[in-house]
Amino acid sequence: IPLSIDHKPNRSDERRRIEDAGGFIIWA
């Protein structure tokens, strides 16, 4: 996954993709 992409965890689909990948969201 290119780190240059601006991921937006607040998007439900992006959050699901991260969680499905075994990751987690940290709200800064």
C-alpha atoms as a PDB file:
ATOM      1  CA  ILE A   1       0.000   0.000   0.000  1.00  0.00           C
ATOM      2  CA  PRO A   2       1.562   3.313  -1.091  1.00  0.00           C
ATOM      3  CA  LEU A   3       2.154   5.499   1.957  1.00  0.00           C
ATOM      4  CA  SER A   4       1.762   8.559  -0.248  1.00  0.00           C
ATOM      5  CA  ILE A   5      -2.000   8.029  -0.423  1.00  0.00           C
ATOM      6  CA  ASP A   6      -3.922  10.295   1.926  1.00  0.00           C
ATOM      7  CA  HIS A   7      -6.011   7.827   3.883  1.00  0.00           C
ATOM      8  CA  LYS A   8      -9.061   9.158   5.644  1.00  0.00           C
ATOM      9  CA  PRO A   9      -9.973   6.876   8.585  1.00  0.00           C
ATOM     10  CA  ASN A  10     -13.151   8.886   9.181  1.00  0.00           C
ATOM     11  CA  ARG A  11     -14.528   7.337   5.985  1.00  0.00           C
ATOM     12  CA  SER A  12     -16.508   4.246   6.920  1.00  0.00           C
ATOM     13  CA  ASP A  13     -15.221   2.262   3.938  1.00  0.00           C
ATOM     14  CA  GLU A  14     -11.606   3.176   4.641  1.00  0.00           C
ATOM     15  CA  ARG A  15     -12.006   2.381   8.318  1.00  0.00           C
ATOM     16  CA  ARG A  16     -13.495  -1.014   7.461  1.00  0.00           C
ATOM     17  CA  ARG A  17     -10.640  -1.733   5.054  1.00  0.00           C
ATOM     18  CA  ILE A  18      -8.084  -0.973   7.755  1.00  0.00           C
ATOM     19  CA  GLU A  19      -9.914  -3.022  10.376  1.00  0.00           C
ATOM     20  CA  ASP A  20     -10.389  -5.903   7.943  1.00  0.00           C
ATOM     21  CA  ALA A  21      -6.654  -5.796   7.294  1.00  0.00           C
ATOM     22  CA  GLY A  22      -6.064  -6.332  11.006  1.00  0.00           C
ATOM     23  CA  GLY A  23      -5.177  -2.725  11.717  1.00  0.00           C
ATOM     24  CA  PHE A  24      -6.712  -0.217  14.047  1.00  0.00           C
ATOM     25  CA  ILE A  25      -7.654   3.457  14.127  1.00  0.00           C
ATOM     26  CA  ILE A  26      -6.079   5.945  16.518  1.00  0.00           C
ATOM     27  CA  TRP A  27      -7.983   9.210  16.763  1.00  0.00           C
ATOM     28  CA  ALA A  28      -5.427  11.981  17.087  1.00  0.00           C
END
